[in-house]
Amino acid sequence: MKKATPKAKSDGERSGSFFWWEEDTLVVNILGKPSARNDAVGKPKGHQLKVSVTAAPKLGRATDHMVLFLADEFGVSPAAITVVYGRQNVNKQLRIQAPTKLPAIFQQRSLL
C-alpha cells in the first residue's frame, strides 16, 4: 500500500502571508465578517485577510454573497472562485482562477 506524500507548502504558506500563487490561481485565506454595514476588503489579520459582507450568515448565504463581491473585486466571474473550505464558517480559503485585477492590499503586500 502506498503512503500519501504530503503536499509541499507554497511560498505564501511558508511566509505566513494571507495569499499565494499556484501558477495562475490566487489562493487566499479569508476571515469573513457577515452582517457588516458595507461589503469591503479589509486588512490582513495574521495569516488571513478580513473581508466584510452585508449578507447574514444563514445557510452559506454570506459566503455566496462574498464570492459575488470578490468576483467583481478581482475581475473574474463568480464561477472562477472556488471555496476550498469554510462555506459555513468565518475561516475560509478561496481559489481565484486567473484574476484580471487585484485589490490594493494585494499590490502592497507584493512589494514587501
C-alpha atoms as a PDB file:
ATOM      1  CA  MET A   1       0.000   0.000   0.000  1.00  0.00           C
ATOM      2  CA  LYS A   2       1.352   3.390  -0.982  1.00  0.00           C
ATOM      3  CA  LYS A   3       1.594   6.184   1.589  1.00  0.00           C
ATOM      4  CA  ALA A   4       0.311   9.640   0.728  1.00  0.00           C
ATOM      5  CA  THR A   5       3.081  12.145   0.188  1.00  0.00           C
ATOM      6  CA  PRO A   6       2.461  15.475   1.929  1.00  0.00           C
ATOM      7  CA  LYS A   7       1.994  18.359  -0.455  1.00  0.00           C
ATOM      8  CA  ALA A   8       4.885  20.809  -0.468  1.00  0.00           C
ATOM      9  CA  LYS A   9       3.965  24.146   1.034  1.00  0.00           C
ATOM     10  CA  SER A  10       3.957  27.105  -1.305  1.00  0.00           C
ATOM     11  CA  ASP A  11       5.894  30.314  -0.699  1.00  0.00           C
ATOM     12  CA  GLY A  12       2.803  32.010   0.766  1.00  0.00           C
ATOM     13  CA  GLU A  13       2.148  29.218   3.235  1.00  0.00           C
ATOM     14  CA  ARG A  14       5.779  29.258   4.364  1.00  0.00           C
ATOM     15  CA  SER A  15       5.989  33.014   4.825  1.00  0.00           C
ATOM     16  CA  GLY A  16       2.711  33.320   6.741  1.00  0.00           C
ATOM     17  CA  SER A  17       1.108  35.558   4.115  1.00  0.00           C
ATOM     18  CA  PHE A  18      -2.661  35.521   3.634  1.00  0.00           C
ATOM     19  CA  PHE A  19      -2.266  34.722  -0.081  1.00  0.00           C
ATOM     20  CA  TRP A  20      -0.021  32.921  -2.537  1.00  0.00           C
ATOM     21  CA  TRP A  21       0.011  31.961  -6.191  1.00  0.00           C
ATOM     22  CA  GLU A  22      -0.240  28.482  -7.669  1.00  0.00           C
ATOM     23  CA  GLU A  23       0.518  29.162 -11.326  1.00  0.00           C
ATOM     24  CA  ASP A  24      -2.310  31.492 -12.488  1.00  0.00           C
ATOM     25  CA  THR A  25      -4.524  30.741  -9.466  1.00  0.00           C
ATOM     26  CA  LEU A  26      -4.555  33.045  -6.453  1.00  0.00           C
ATOM     27  CA  VAL A  27      -5.161  31.231  -3.155  1.00  0.00           C
ATOM     28  CA  VAL A  28      -6.476  33.458  -0.347  1.00  0.00           C
ATOM     29  CA  ASN A  29      -7.149  32.741   3.329  1.00  0.00           C
ATOM     30  CA  ILE A  30     -10.175  34.769   4.449  1.00  0.00           C
ATOM     31  CA  LEU A  31     -11.565  35.847   7.800  1.00  0.00           C
ATOM     32  CA  GLY A  32     -15.186  36.595   6.941  1.00  0.00           C
ATOM     33  CA  LYS A  33     -17.309  39.220   8.689  1.00  0.00           C
ATOM     34  CA  PRO A  34     -21.004  38.656   7.855  1.00  0.00           C
ATOM     35  CA  SER A  35     -23.809  41.142   8.578  1.00  0.00           C
ATOM     36  CA  ALA A  36     -21.470  44.116   8.110  1.00  0.00           C
ATOM     37  CA  ARG A  37     -22.580  47.628   7.143  1.00  0.00           C
ATOM     38  CA  ASN A  38     -20.702  47.503   3.834  1.00  0.00           C
ATOM     39  CA  ASP A  39     -19.055  44.964   1.578  1.00  0.00           C
ATOM     40  CA  ALA A  40     -15.322  45.604   1.920  1.00  0.00           C
ATOM     41  CA  VAL A  41     -11.890  44.068   1.585  1.00  0.00           C
ATOM     42  CA  GLY A  42     -10.154  44.890   4.853  1.00  0.00           C
ATOM     43  CA  LYS A  43      -6.668  44.485   6.255  1.00  0.00           C
ATOM     44  CA  PRO A  44      -4.702  41.316   6.903  1.00  0.00           C
ATOM     45  CA  LYS A  45      -5.215  39.774  10.323  1.00  0.00           C
ATOM     46  CA  GLY A  46      -2.477  37.211  10.926  1.00  0.00           C
ATOM     47  CA  HIS A  47      -2.488  34.769   8.011  1.00  0.00           C
ATOM     48  CA  GLN A  48      -5.982  35.808   6.864  1.00  0.00           C
ATOM     49  CA  LEU A  49      -7.490  38.743   5.008  1.00  0.00           C
ATOM     50  CA  LYS A  50     -10.575  40.277   6.600  1.00  0.00           C
ATOM     51  CA  VAL A  51     -13.495  40.528   4.176  1.00  0.00           C
ATOM     52  CA  SER A  52     -16.799  42.044   5.334  1.00  0.00           C
ATOM     53  CA  VAL A  53     -20.124  41.397   3.632  1.00  0.00           C
ATOM     54  CA  THR A  54     -23.641  42.676   4.287  1.00  0.00           C
ATOM     55  CA  ALA A  55     -25.323  39.272   3.958  1.00  0.00           C
ATOM     56  CA  ALA A  56     -26.434  37.364   7.057  1.00  0.00           C
ATOM     57  CA  PRO A  57     -24.657  34.097   7.900  1.00  0.00           C
ATOM     58  CA  LYS A  58     -27.528  31.740   7.098  1.00  0.00           C
ATOM     59  CA  LEU A  59     -27.114  28.552   5.060  1.00  0.00           C
ATOM     60  CA  GLY A  60     -23.961  29.815   3.358  1.00  0.00           C
ATOM     61  CA  ARG A  61     -25.617  32.960   2.009  1.00  0.00           C
ATOM     62  CA  ALA A  62     -22.853  35.212   3.361  1.00  0.00           C
ATOM     63  CA  THR A  63     -20.275  33.080   1.541  1.00  0.00           C
ATOM     64  CA  ASP A  64     -22.298  33.214  -1.685  1.00  0.00           C
ATOM     65  CA  HIS A  65     -22.512  36.998  -1.344  1.00  0.00           C
ATOM     66  CA  MET A  66     -18.764  37.178  -0.625  1.00  0.00           C
ATOM     67  CA  VAL A  67     -17.995  35.223  -3.805  1.00  0.00           C
ATOM     68  CA  LEU A  68     -20.148  37.620  -5.866  1.00  0.00           C
ATOM     69  CA  PHE A  69     -18.499  40.640  -4.230  1.00  0.00           C
ATOM     70  CA  LEU A  70     -14.957  39.293  -4.661  1.00  0.00           C
ATOM     71  CA  ALA A  71     -15.596  38.283  -8.280  1.00  0.00           C
ATOM     72  CA  ASP A  72     -16.078  41.961  -9.097  1.00  0.00           C
ATOM     73  CA  GLU A  73     -13.047  42.973  -6.996  1.00  0.00           C
ATOM     74  CA  PHE A  74     -10.792  40.511  -8.863  1.00  0.00           C
ATOM     75  CA  GLY A  75     -12.321  40.986 -12.317  1.00  0.00           C
ATOM     76  CA  VAL A  76     -13.498  37.387 -12.720  1.00  0.00           C
ATOM     77  CA  SER A  77     -16.813  35.584 -12.992  1.00  0.00           C
ATOM     78  CA  PRO A  78     -18.194  34.019  -9.787  1.00  0.00           C
ATOM     79  CA  ALA A  79     -17.567  30.602 -11.379  1.00  0.00           C
ATOM     80  CA  ALA A  80     -13.807  31.359 -11.309  1.00  0.00           C
ATOM     81  CA  ILE A  81     -13.846  31.409  -7.481  1.00  0.00           C
ATOM     82  CA  THR A  82     -13.804  28.114  -5.597  1.00  0.00           C
ATOM     83  CA  VAL A  83     -14.473  27.868  -1.864  1.00  0.00           C
ATOM     84  CA  VAL A  84     -11.899  25.274  -0.755  1.00  0.00           C
ATOM     85  CA  TYR A  85     -13.181  25.210   2.823  1.00  0.00           C
ATOM     86  CA  GLY A  86     -15.253  27.322   5.194  1.00  0.00           C
ATOM     87  CA  ARG A  87     -18.506  27.566   3.268  1.00  0.00           C
ATOM     88  CA  GLN A  88     -20.430  27.911   6.545  1.00  0.00           C
ATOM     89  CA  ASN A  89     -17.595  29.269   8.682  1.00  0.00           C
ATOM     90  CA  VAL A  90     -15.853  32.631   9.022  1.00  0.00           C
ATOM     91  CA  ASN A  91     -12.485  30.957   8.286  1.00  0.00           C
ATOM     92  CA  LYS A  92     -12.278  30.284   4.567  1.00  0.00           C
ATOM     93  CA  GLN A  93      -9.867  29.522   1.791  1.00  0.00           C
ATOM     94  CA  LEU A  94     -10.686  30.632  -1.736  1.00  0.00           C
ATOM     95  CA  ARG A  95      -9.026  29.839  -5.060  1.00  0.00           C
ATOM     96  CA  ILE A  96      -9.415  32.570  -7.676  1.00  0.00           C
ATOM     97  CA  GLN A  97      -8.627  31.434 -11.206  1.00  0.00           C
ATOM     98  CA  ALA A  98      -6.713  33.973 -13.341  1.00  0.00           C
ATOM     99  CA  PRO A  99      -7.734  37.268 -11.674  1.00  0.00           C
ATOM    100  CA  THR A 100      -7.551  40.238 -14.032  1.00  0.00           C
ATOM    101  CA  LYS A 101      -7.215  42.831 -11.250  1.00  0.00           C
ATOM    102  CA  LEU A 102      -6.072  42.881  -7.634  1.00  0.00           C
ATOM    103  CA  PRO A 103      -7.346  44.960  -4.710  1.00  0.00           C
ATOM    104  CA  ALA A 104      -4.778  47.438  -3.374  1.00  0.00           C
ATOM    105  CA  ILE A 105      -3.901  45.328  -0.311  1.00  0.00           C
ATOM    106  CA  PHE A 106      -2.541  42.572  -2.596  1.00  0.00           C
ATOM    107  CA  GLN A 107      -0.416  45.020  -4.541  1.00  0.00           C
ATOM    108  CA  GLN A 108       1.009  46.491  -1.304  1.00  0.00           C
ATOM    109  CA  ARG A 109       1.874  43.021   0.048  1.00  0.00           C
ATOM    110  CA  SER A 110       3.538  42.042  -3.246  1.00  0.00           C
ATOM    111  CA  LEU A 111       6.025  44.881  -2.840  1.00  0.00           C
ATOM    112  CA  LEU A 112       7.167  43.733   0.628  1.00  0.00           C
END
